[in-house]
Amino acid sequence: MQKLNKKKNIDKLFLLFIFCIVLLNFCCSNSSDIKIYKGKINPSTKEINFKALPNGIFDINIEFEAPITASIIYKFSDQILEKKFKNTKTISANDIDLKKYHLSIKIYDTFGISSIDYKATFTRKTYWYQSRFESEPDDTQSFATVINILKYSPISLVGRINDIDDVDYYDINNESNLNMYCFLNVSTSSKSYDIKLIDPDSGKIINIDGTIPLMFQASSHYYLKISIAQKQSVSDALAFLPYTINLNPTDNLSNVSEFEPNDQKPNYLEIGRTVFGNLTQNDTDYFTFDITSEGFYKIIFSPSSASMYLTFITPFGIFYENIQISRAGSFKHLLLPAGNYRIKINTKDSNIFKKISYTLRIESDSPVFEIEPDDNMNNANEFTSFDTVTGTISWEYDIDIYQIYLEDDSNTLQISSDDPSINFTLQIYLENKLISTYNINGNFSNIPLPKGNIYIKIFTSSFLKEINYTILVEK
């Protein structure tokens, strides 16, 4: 009998324990992945605060017994973000980082109802990539998810556009004192995304389409903005699947792509290395290189499908300014003193909606008589009847001009080229007056020259490839 009473007492204690747990869970229910809060609000309630919120990425759903007007308040450091819901029975938010943000609900209006029950459910995201998920809310630059670039450490982060009005910002930081070269790719399941990189210092905006090489300046930060394009026409459910950001630092700059943004801060170009670049709408690319000892050099360029414009800036002035380039060629025979040089490449067509690809390379050149630039009479190469002049028409609008002073009119000009099948034009000027024009293919002899200050102009109107030529004056 005593054993039976003892068993009944144990059963009563067990039932009391269960009742206490149920009573406790009426206000707050816990599990590893779901946390539930229950309570009441009334017209005097100003704010709902949730105690002991867990860390991690959670979806939040708050159901009210009757319609209310309220806001979700997110606090981070000294920043406050508010998202308002009007006349609704449900407040929800997805992918919220409860480790980063302190969250509360601000009540504006209960529409005169004296008491309203609510149930708040916090559901942990169970993605395998949970530890590297974006930190919602991040729809402003102030609340951007932070990405710190580390040398030799690839970064992969997962995010999600929750609805057509959602915007995701990422704050990409290079806190080191070195420029960081990276390849950025945003992998999506849909083409409905609008993805841009913003340089807050220059205001430069770069469209991210595919894998883009980027140069992140030392001690600088950039914003990556991801949103839905053409919101009114989006019916693609794939647009709301997770996307992946991949950021891969590199230190191998041999024969690589240009690194944006470089419309003000130039990419460094090493002598003898080829850079592969792209121009987009209203884009400008700057490059810089150093000459350590005086010598002959050449700039080799090759655009793809449309014209680009090239400017060569030297320590002592501009050699070429906005020169239109529509086919492969080079600026040869440049005699460059030691110093720092810059190259600007841009397009003047604001209606370009596709990329213009190009290559650019600086390398040493063999010394010849001609010294570029010599495309006007002020820069003409002077020679005498004792000189054998060698030069090159090396790009489509190249012009070479030479100057010689003759004391009598008994001299003739001889000219020859390395390819007789290619035509080019030779013009003779006395002072600044054109006196004769010749179409040359192969060799041409005994061109009469008058007495006086003579200019010889060589060019082609149908450039197919480089034309190497030799000229000399004989009696």
Protein backbone atom coordinates (compact mmCIF):
# COMPACT_ATOMS: atom_id res chain seq x y z
CA MET A 1 0.00 0.00 0.00
CA GLN A 2 2.88 2.37 0.86
CA LYS A 3 4.57 1.52 -2.45
CA LEU A 4 1.33 2.33 -4.31
CA ASN A 5 1.02 5.75 -2.57
CA LYS A 6 4.65 6.46 -3.28
CA LYS A 7 4.12 5.72 -6.99
CA LYS A 8 1.05 7.99 -7.08
CA ASN A 9 3.06 10.83 -5.51
CA ILE A 10 5.79 10.40 -8.14
CA ASP A 11 3.18 10.49 -10.91
CA LYS A 12 1.69 13.67 -9.45
CA LEU A 13 5.12 15.34 -9.32
CA PHE A 14 5.79 14.32 -12.93
CA LEU A 15 2.42 15.76 -14.08
CA LEU A 16 3.14 18.95 -12.14
CA PHE A 17 6.51 19.21 -13.88
CA ILE A 18 4.90 18.80 -17.29
CA PHE A 19 2.26 21.41 -16.39
CA CYS A 20 4.99 23.89 -15.44
CA ILE A 21 6.75 23.37 -18.75
CA VAL A 22 3.51 23.88 -20.69
CA LEU A 23 2.75 27.00 -18.65
CA LEU A 24 6.22 28.36 -19.32
CA ASN A 25 5.89 27.65 -23.01
CA PHE A 26 2.65 29.61 -23.15
CA CYS A 27 4.87 32.72 -23.07
CA CYS A 28 7.97 31.33 -24.73
CA SER A 29 8.65 28.06 -26.56
CA ASN A 30 12.21 26.92 -27.29
CA SER A 31 13.96 24.41 -29.52
CA SER A 32 17.27 24.45 -31.33
CA ASP A 33 15.68 25.67 -34.57
CA ILE A 34 12.36 27.28 -33.54
CA LYS A 35 11.61 29.83 -30.84
CA ILE A 36 8.04 30.92 -30.16
CA TYR A 37 6.87 33.92 -28.14
CA LYS A 38 3.25 34.56 -27.16
CA GLY A 39 1.71 37.58 -25.53
CA LYS A 40 -0.86 40.38 -25.61
CA ILE A 41 -0.85 44.00 -26.66
CA ASN A 42 -3.31 46.80 -25.89
CA PRO A 43 -3.69 50.47 -26.84
CA SER A 44 -1.07 51.46 -24.25
CA THR A 45 1.55 49.04 -25.61
CA LYS A 46 4.36 50.95 -27.32
CA GLU A 47 6.88 48.22 -28.07
CA ILE A 48 7.36 44.46 -27.96
CA ASN A 49 10.81 43.27 -26.90
CA PHE A 50 11.84 39.66 -27.16
CA LYS A 51 14.12 38.30 -24.47
CA ALA A 52 16.91 35.77 -24.99
CA LEU A 53 16.78 35.77 -28.77
CA PRO A 54 19.22 33.21 -30.19
CA ASN A 55 22.11 33.96 -32.54
CA GLY A 56 21.95 32.96 -36.19
CA ILE A 57 19.94 33.56 -39.36
CA PHE A 58 16.17 33.35 -38.78
CA ASP A 59 12.88 33.80 -40.60
CA ILE A 60 10.40 35.76 -38.46
CA ASN A 61 6.61 35.50 -38.57
CA ILE A 62 4.37 37.40 -36.12
CA GLU A 63 0.63 36.77 -36.21
CA PHE A 64 -1.82 39.11 -34.46
CA GLU A 65 -5.40 38.33 -33.49
CA ALA A 66 -6.60 41.56 -35.11
CA PRO A 67 -5.16 44.10 -37.58
CA ILE A 68 -2.59 46.57 -36.30
CA THR A 69 -0.10 49.10 -37.64
CA ALA A 70 3.45 48.42 -36.46
CA SER A 71 7.11 48.41 -37.44
CA ILE A 72 10.05 46.08 -37.08
CA ILE A 73 12.93 48.03 -35.52
CA TYR A 74 16.47 46.84 -36.24
CA LYS A 75 19.29 48.32 -34.18
CA PHE A 76 22.94 47.90 -35.08
CA SER A 77 25.60 49.94 -33.29
CA ASP A 78 24.23 53.50 -33.49
CA GLN A 79 22.16 52.75 -36.61
CA ILE A 80 18.40 52.21 -36.59
CA LEU A 81 16.38 50.78 -39.46
CA GLU A 82 12.58 50.70 -39.40
CA LYS A 83 10.26 48.71 -41.66
CA LYS A 84 6.57 49.61 -41.31
CA PHE A 85 3.49 47.41 -41.78
CA LYS A 86 0.07 49.07 -42.04
CA ASN A 87 -3.29 47.57 -41.06
CA THR A 88 -2.10 43.98 -41.09
CA LYS A 89 -2.47 40.84 -39.02
CA THR A 90 0.90 39.43 -40.07
CA ILE A 91 4.43 40.83 -39.89
CA SER A 92 7.20 38.77 -41.45
CA ALA A 93 10.88 39.06 -42.36
CA ASN A 94 13.31 36.58 -43.85
CA ASP A 95 16.98 35.78 -43.34
CA ILE A 96 17.38 38.11 -40.34
CA ASP A 97 20.77 38.03 -38.63
CA LEU A 98 19.90 38.01 -34.91
CA LYS A 99 23.56 37.95 -33.96
CA LYS A 100 24.10 41.32 -35.65
CA TYR A 101 20.80 43.11 -34.95
CA HIS A 102 18.75 43.84 -31.84
CA LEU A 103 15.12 43.45 -32.89
CA SER A 104 11.87 44.83 -31.47
CA ILE A 105 8.32 45.61 -32.64
CA LYS A 106 7.03 49.18 -32.37
CA ILE A 107 3.24 49.48 -32.08
CA TYR A 108 1.55 52.46 -33.72
CA ASP A 109 -2.16 51.63 -33.76
CA THR A 110 -4.43 48.85 -32.48
CA PHE A 111 -7.54 50.51 -33.98
CA GLY A 112 -9.27 50.76 -30.59
CA ILE A 113 -9.18 47.05 -29.74
CA SER A 114 -8.51 46.65 -26.01
CA SER A 115 -6.50 43.44 -26.16
CA ILE A 116 -4.86 41.58 -29.05
CA ASP A 117 -3.07 38.25 -28.74
CA TYR A 118 0.05 37.62 -30.81
CA LYS A 119 2.35 34.73 -31.61
CA ALA A 120 5.91 35.35 -32.83
CA THR A 121 7.75 32.43 -34.44
CA PHE A 122 11.50 32.56 -35.09
CA THR A 123 12.64 29.76 -37.42
CA ARG A 124 16.34 29.12 -37.84
CA LYS A 125 17.63 28.77 -41.39
CA THR A 126 18.94 25.27 -41.86
CA TYR A 127 20.97 25.88 -45.04
CA TRP A 128 24.33 24.16 -45.16
CA TYR A 129 25.80 27.60 -45.87
CA GLN A 130 24.16 29.14 -42.79
CA SER A 131 27.50 30.24 -41.35
CA ARG A 132 28.18 32.43 -44.41
CA PHE A 133 24.75 33.83 -45.19
CA GLU A 134 24.00 37.52 -45.80
CA SER A 135 22.93 39.60 -42.81
CA GLU A 136 19.40 40.88 -43.43
CA PRO A 137 18.25 43.58 -43.31
CA ASP A 138 20.91 44.97 -45.65
CA ASP A 139 18.87 47.10 -48.04
CA THR A 140 20.85 50.31 -47.35
CA GLN A 141 24.56 51.03 -47.44
CA SER A 142 24.56 51.76 -43.70
CA PHE A 143 23.25 48.25 -42.96
CA ALA A 144 25.30 46.44 -45.62
CA THR A 145 26.61 42.94 -44.98
CA VAL A 146 30.35 43.28 -44.43
CA ILE A 147 32.86 41.31 -46.52
CA ASN A 148 36.52 41.68 -45.51
CA ILE A 149 39.04 40.79 -48.23
CA LEU A 150 41.94 38.68 -47.05
CA LYS A 151 44.97 37.97 -49.23
CA TYR A 152 45.02 34.42 -50.65
CA SER A 153 41.64 33.66 -49.01
CA PRO A 154 38.71 33.05 -51.39
CA ILE A 155 35.36 34.29 -50.09
CA SER A 156 32.00 32.69 -50.77
CA LEU A 157 28.76 34.14 -49.38
CA VAL A 158 25.13 33.25 -49.97
CA GLY A 159 22.24 35.72 -50.15
CA ARG A 160 18.66 35.84 -51.31
CA ILE A 161 16.29 38.38 -52.82
CA ASN A 162 13.08 37.85 -50.84
CA ASP A 163 10.69 39.89 -53.00
CA ILE A 164 10.74 42.33 -55.91
CA ASP A 165 11.38 45.29 -53.58
CA ASP A 166 14.24 43.67 -51.69
CA VAL A 167 17.72 45.14 -52.10
CA ASP A 168 20.91 43.56 -50.77
CA TYR A 169 24.01 45.67 -50.08
CA TYR A 170 27.46 44.30 -49.30
CA ASP A 171 30.30 46.42 -47.94
CA ILE A 172 33.53 45.00 -49.42
CA ASN A 173 36.49 46.16 -47.34
CA ASN A 174 40.18 46.14 -48.14
CA GLU A 175 41.68 47.14 -44.78
CA SER A 176 45.25 46.35 -45.84
CA ASN A 177 47.81 48.87 -47.09
CA LEU A 178 48.11 47.03 -50.43
CA ASN A 179 45.90 47.06 -53.51
CA MET A 180 44.02 43.78 -53.75
CA TYR A 181 43.30 42.21 -57.16
CA CYS A 182 40.25 39.95 -57.19
CA PHE A 183 37.87 38.15 -59.50
CA LEU A 184 34.21 38.74 -58.54
CA ASN A 185 31.34 36.56 -59.67
CA VAL A 186 27.71 36.53 -58.53
CA SER A 187 26.15 33.18 -59.43
CA THR A 188 22.37 33.36 -59.85
CA SER A 189 19.55 31.10 -61.01
CA SER A 190 17.88 33.87 -63.01
CA LYS A 191 18.70 36.70 -65.42
CA SER A 192 16.34 39.06 -63.59
CA TYR A 193 19.08 40.46 -61.34
CA ASP A 194 20.61 43.92 -61.47
CA ILE A 195 24.10 43.70 -59.92
CA LYS A 196 26.39 46.72 -59.51
CA LEU A 197 29.64 47.57 -57.76
CA ILE A 198 29.82 51.13 -56.44
CA ASP A 199 33.04 53.02 -55.66
CA PRO A 200 31.88 55.59 -53.05
CA ASP A 201 35.02 57.71 -53.53
CA SER A 202 34.65 58.30 -57.28
CA GLY A 203 30.95 57.49 -57.71
CA LYS A 204 31.94 54.94 -60.38
CA ILE A 205 29.31 52.22 -60.94
CA ILE A 206 30.32 48.91 -62.56
CA ASN A 207 27.79 46.42 -63.90
CA ILE A 208 28.66 42.91 -62.74
CA ASP A 209 27.92 40.45 -65.53
CA GLY A 210 29.84 37.20 -65.34
CA THR A 211 33.28 37.06 -63.73
CA ILE A 212 34.73 40.58 -63.39
CA PRO A 213 38.36 41.38 -62.49
CA LEU A 214 38.50 44.16 -59.91
CA MET A 215 41.18 46.17 -58.16
CA PHE A 216 40.27 47.11 -54.59
CA GLN A 217 42.43 50.05 -53.54
CA ALA A 218 44.37 49.88 -50.27
CA SER A 219 42.42 51.05 -47.19
CA SER A 220 39.22 51.46 -49.23
CA HIS A 221 35.75 49.97 -49.36
CA TYR A 222 33.18 49.39 -52.09
CA TYR A 223 29.46 48.56 -52.15
CA LEU A 224 27.99 45.62 -54.03
CA LYS A 225 24.27 46.17 -54.74
CA ILE A 226 21.99 43.30 -55.76
CA SER A 227 18.34 43.84 -56.70
CA ILE A 228 15.68 42.82 -59.19
CA ALA A 229 15.66 44.55 -62.58
CA GLN A 230 12.43 45.57 -64.33
CA LYS A 231 10.27 44.81 -61.28
CA GLN A 232 6.94 45.23 -63.06
CA SER A 233 7.68 42.40 -65.48
CA VAL A 234 9.29 39.87 -63.13
CA SER A 235 7.42 36.57 -63.12
CA ASP A 236 10.48 34.38 -62.74
CA ALA A 237 10.26 32.33 -59.52
CA LEU A 238 13.96 31.50 -59.91
CA ALA A 239 14.75 35.15 -59.11
CA PHE A 240 13.96 34.45 -55.45
CA LEU A 241 16.28 31.47 -55.07
CA PRO A 242 19.58 32.01 -53.23
CA TYR A 243 22.55 33.45 -55.11
CA THR A 244 26.25 33.03 -54.35
CA ILE A 245 28.94 35.72 -54.23
CA ASN A 246 32.43 34.44 -55.02
CA LEU A 247 35.41 36.74 -54.47
CA ASN A 248 38.82 35.29 -55.30
CA PRO A 249 41.98 37.34 -54.64
CA THR A 250 44.92 36.83 -57.01
CA ASP A 251 48.55 37.92 -57.15
CA ASN A 252 49.21 36.52 -60.64
CA LEU A 253 49.00 39.59 -62.88
CA SER A 254 50.78 38.06 -65.87
CA ASN A 255 48.65 38.44 -69.00
CA VAL A 256 45.44 39.10 -67.09
CA SER A 257 42.40 41.29 -67.44
CA GLU A 258 42.16 44.90 -66.42
CA PHE A 259 40.88 45.43 -62.92
CA GLU A 260 37.98 47.84 -62.46
CA PRO A 261 37.40 50.51 -61.27
CA ASN A 262 40.22 52.24 -63.15
CA ASP A 263 38.55 55.34 -64.55
CA GLN A 264 40.52 57.53 -62.12
CA LYS A 265 42.90 55.21 -60.28
CA PRO A 266 44.96 53.48 -62.99
CA ASN A 267 45.91 49.83 -63.26
CA TYR A 268 49.66 49.28 -63.20
CA LEU A 269 50.96 47.83 -66.46
CA GLU A 270 54.28 46.01 -66.46
CA ILE A 271 56.51 46.22 -69.53
CA GLY A 272 56.15 43.06 -71.61
CA ARG A 273 52.81 41.93 -70.14
CA THR A 274 49.54 41.92 -72.04
CA VAL A 275 46.36 43.22 -70.42
CA PHE A 276 42.91 42.20 -71.61
CA GLY A 277 40.38 44.98 -71.06
CA ASN A 278 36.71 45.74 -71.63
CA LEU A 279 34.91 49.01 -72.28
CA THR A 280 31.24 49.35 -71.39
CA GLN A 281 28.85 52.26 -71.81
CA ASN A 282 30.52 55.57 -70.79
CA ASP A 283 33.54 53.63 -69.51
CA THR A 284 37.11 54.94 -69.21
CA ASP A 285 40.16 52.82 -68.42
CA TYR A 286 43.44 54.24 -67.17
CA PHE A 287 46.79 52.43 -67.08
CA THR A 288 50.17 53.54 -65.81
CA PHE A 289 53.68 52.20 -66.39
CA ASP A 290 57.24 53.18 -65.51
CA ILE A 291 60.27 53.54 -67.78
CA THR A 292 63.45 53.05 -65.75
CA SER A 293 65.95 53.85 -68.51
CA GLU A 294 65.63 55.79 -71.76
CA GLY A 295 65.02 53.72 -74.86
CA PHE A 296 62.72 52.86 -77.75
CA TYR A 297 59.32 51.39 -76.86
CA LYS A 298 56.06 50.56 -78.59
CA ILE A 299 52.44 50.50 -77.47
CA ILE A 300 50.56 47.57 -79.03
CA PHE A 301 46.75 47.64 -79.07
CA SER A 302 43.95 45.55 -80.54
CA PRO A 303 40.23 46.49 -80.22
CA SER A 304 37.53 43.92 -80.91
CA SER A 305 34.30 45.03 -82.55
CA ALA A 306 34.05 48.82 -82.32
CA SER A 307 36.20 51.93 -82.19
CA MET A 308 37.92 53.04 -79.01
CA TYR A 309 39.94 56.17 -78.29
CA LEU A 310 43.45 56.21 -76.90
CA THR A 311 45.41 59.01 -75.22
CA PHE A 312 49.10 58.67 -74.31
CA ILE A 313 50.12 60.99 -71.46
CA THR A 314 53.82 61.58 -70.81
CA PRO A 315 55.67 63.59 -68.12
CA PHE A 316 56.33 66.27 -70.78
CA GLY A 317 52.97 66.44 -72.52
CA ILE A 318 50.39 64.42 -74.45
CA PHE A 319 51.75 62.48 -77.44
CA TYR A 320 48.43 61.20 -78.78
CA GLU A 321 45.05 62.55 -77.68
CA ASN A 322 41.75 60.74 -78.28
CA ILE A 323 43.16 58.88 -81.26
CA GLN A 324 40.44 56.71 -82.80
CA ILE A 325 41.43 53.03 -82.92
CA SER A 326 39.25 50.58 -84.84
CA ARG A 327 41.78 47.86 -85.74
CA ALA A 328 44.94 46.32 -84.38
CA GLY A 329 48.15 48.32 -84.59
CA SER A 330 50.88 49.94 -82.52
CA PHE A 331 52.58 53.22 -81.70
CA LYS A 332 56.14 52.27 -82.63
CA HIS A 333 59.51 53.97 -82.35
CA LEU A 334 58.66 55.92 -79.19
CA LEU A 335 61.87 57.26 -77.66
CA LEU A 336 60.90 57.51 -73.99
CA PRO A 337 63.04 58.96 -71.20
CA ALA A 338 62.83 57.47 -67.71
CA GLY A 339 59.60 58.45 -65.96
CA ASN A 340 55.98 57.55 -65.27
CA TYR A 341 53.51 57.36 -68.16
CA ARG A 342 49.73 56.95 -68.43
CA ILE A 343 47.40 55.57 -71.08
CA LYS A 344 43.72 56.46 -71.24
CA ILE A 345 41.28 54.28 -73.21
CA ASN A 346 37.63 55.23 -73.62
CA THR A 347 34.67 55.18 -75.96
CA LYS A 348 32.75 58.24 -77.14
CA ASP A 349 29.61 56.29 -78.02
CA SER A 350 27.16 56.54 -75.09
CA ASN A 351 24.82 54.11 -76.87
CA ILE A 352 27.13 51.11 -76.52
CA PHE A 353 25.32 48.38 -74.62
CA LYS A 354 27.81 45.58 -75.13
CA LYS A 355 31.41 45.21 -74.12
CA ILE A 356 34.23 46.34 -76.39
CA SER A 357 37.16 44.03 -75.70
CA TYR A 358 40.75 45.06 -76.30
CA THR A 359 44.32 44.10 -75.54
CA LEU A 360 47.13 46.45 -74.53
CA ARG A 361 50.85 45.81 -74.24
CA ILE A 362 54.02 47.88 -73.77
CA GLU A 363 57.34 46.43 -74.89
CA SER A 364 60.80 47.46 -76.00
CA ASP A 365 61.32 48.42 -79.66
CA SER A 366 64.34 48.26 -81.93
CA PRO A 367 65.98 51.64 -82.55
CA VAL A 368 65.44 53.06 -86.04
CA PHE A 369 65.88 56.47 -87.63
CA GLU A 370 62.24 57.46 -87.17
CA ILE A 371 61.18 58.77 -83.77
CA GLU A 372 57.46 58.99 -83.02
CA PRO A 373 55.32 61.00 -82.80
CA ASP A 374 56.06 62.65 -86.17
CA ASP A 375 52.57 63.23 -87.51
CA ASN A 376 52.85 66.98 -88.12
CA MET A 377 55.47 69.36 -89.47
CA ASN A 378 56.37 70.64 -86.02
CA ASN A 379 57.39 67.11 -85.00
CA ALA A 380 59.01 66.12 -88.31
CA ASN A 381 62.16 63.97 -88.21
CA GLU A 382 65.05 65.89 -89.76
CA PHE A 383 67.55 64.10 -92.00
CA THR A 384 70.24 64.83 -94.59
CA SER A 385 71.29 63.34 -97.91
CA PHE A 386 73.85 61.27 -96.01
CA ASP A 387 71.10 59.42 -94.04
CA THR A 388 69.20 56.27 -94.88
CA VAL A 389 65.83 56.71 -93.20
CA THR A 390 63.87 53.70 -91.92
CA GLY A 391 60.34 54.03 -90.56
CA THR A 392 57.00 52.29 -90.12
CA ILE A 393 53.34 53.02 -90.75
CA SER A 394 52.16 51.01 -87.74
CA TRP A 395 48.47 51.84 -87.31
CA GLU A 396 45.53 52.92 -89.46
CA TYR A 397 45.83 56.71 -89.06
CA ASP A 398 49.59 56.83 -88.66
CA ILE A 399 51.36 59.72 -90.45
CA ASP A 400 55.14 60.04 -90.73
CA ILE A 401 56.71 63.37 -91.73
CA TYR A 402 60.38 64.03 -92.49
CA GLN A 403 62.20 67.27 -93.15
CA ILE A 404 65.29 67.91 -95.28
CA TYR A 405 66.89 71.13 -96.53
CA LEU A 406 68.28 70.97 -100.09
CA GLU A 407 70.61 73.63 -101.50
CA ASP A 408 69.84 72.85 -105.15
CA ASP A 409 67.21 71.13 -107.29
CA SER A 410 69.35 68.24 -108.59
CA ASN A 411 68.19 65.72 -105.93
CA THR A 412 65.84 62.75 -106.23
CA LEU A 413 64.04 60.64 -103.62
CA GLN A 414 64.18 56.84 -103.52
CA ILE A 415 61.61 54.87 -101.46
CA SER A 416 61.05 51.14 -100.95
CA SER A 417 58.84 49.01 -98.68
CA ASP A 418 59.06 45.48 -97.34
CA ASP A 419 55.81 44.38 -99.03
CA PRO A 420 55.21 45.45 -102.66
CA SER A 421 51.55 44.38 -102.46
CA ILE A 422 50.64 47.12 -100.00
CA ASN A 423 49.83 50.60 -101.27
CA PHE A 424 50.61 53.80 -99.42
CA THR A 425 50.82 57.51 -100.24
CA LEU A 426 53.82 59.85 -100.40
CA GLN A 427 53.44 63.63 -100.58
CA ILE A 428 56.11 66.28 -101.16
CA TYR A 429 55.77 69.75 -99.60
CA LEU A 430 57.88 72.85 -100.23
CA GLU A 431 57.64 74.67 -96.93
CA ASN A 432 53.92 74.10 -96.20
CA LYS A 433 52.74 73.90 -99.82
CA LEU A 434 51.85 70.52 -101.36
CA ILE A 435 53.66 70.16 -104.72
CA SER A 436 53.30 66.45 -105.62
CA THR A 437 51.56 63.20 -104.57
CA TYR A 438 52.59 59.59 -105.38
CA ASN A 439 50.84 56.27 -104.81
CA ILE A 440 53.53 53.78 -103.81
CA ASN A 441 53.51 50.01 -103.93
CA GLY A 442 56.86 48.33 -103.58
CA ASN A 443 59.74 50.50 -104.84
CA PHE A 444 59.67 53.96 -106.33
CA SER A 445 62.72 55.79 -107.70
CA ASN A 446 63.86 59.14 -108.97
CA ILE A 447 61.16 61.31 -107.43
CA PRO A 448 62.38 64.85 -108.16
CA LEU A 449 62.88 67.21 -105.23
CA PRO A 450 63.10 71.00 -105.54
CA LYS A 451 65.51 73.28 -103.78
CA GLY A 452 64.55 74.54 -100.31
CA ASN A 453 62.95 73.31 -97.09
CA ILE A 454 61.28 70.01 -98.05
CA TYR A 455 58.73 67.97 -96.06
CA ILE A 456 58.01 64.35 -96.99
CA LYS A 457 54.70 62.92 -95.73
CA ILE A 458 53.94 59.17 -95.73
CA PHE A 459 50.56 57.59 -94.84
CA THR A 460 47.97 55.08 -96.03
CA SER A 461 44.19 55.24 -96.41
CA SER A 462 43.76 51.43 -96.42
CA PHE A 463 45.76 50.07 -93.51
CA LEU A 464 45.95 46.28 -93.45
CA LYS A 465 49.21 45.68 -91.64
CA GLU A 466 52.44 47.44 -90.76
CA ILE A 467 54.38 49.00 -93.62
CA ASN A 468 58.14 49.16 -93.12
CA TYR A 469 59.85 51.49 -95.56
CA THR A 470 63.21 53.03 -96.38
CA ILE A 471 63.86 56.43 -97.97
CA LEU A 472 67.00 58.23 -99.06
CA VAL A 473 67.91 61.28 -101.12
CA GLU A 474 70.44 61.08 -103.95
CA LYS A 475 71.94 63.51 -106.45
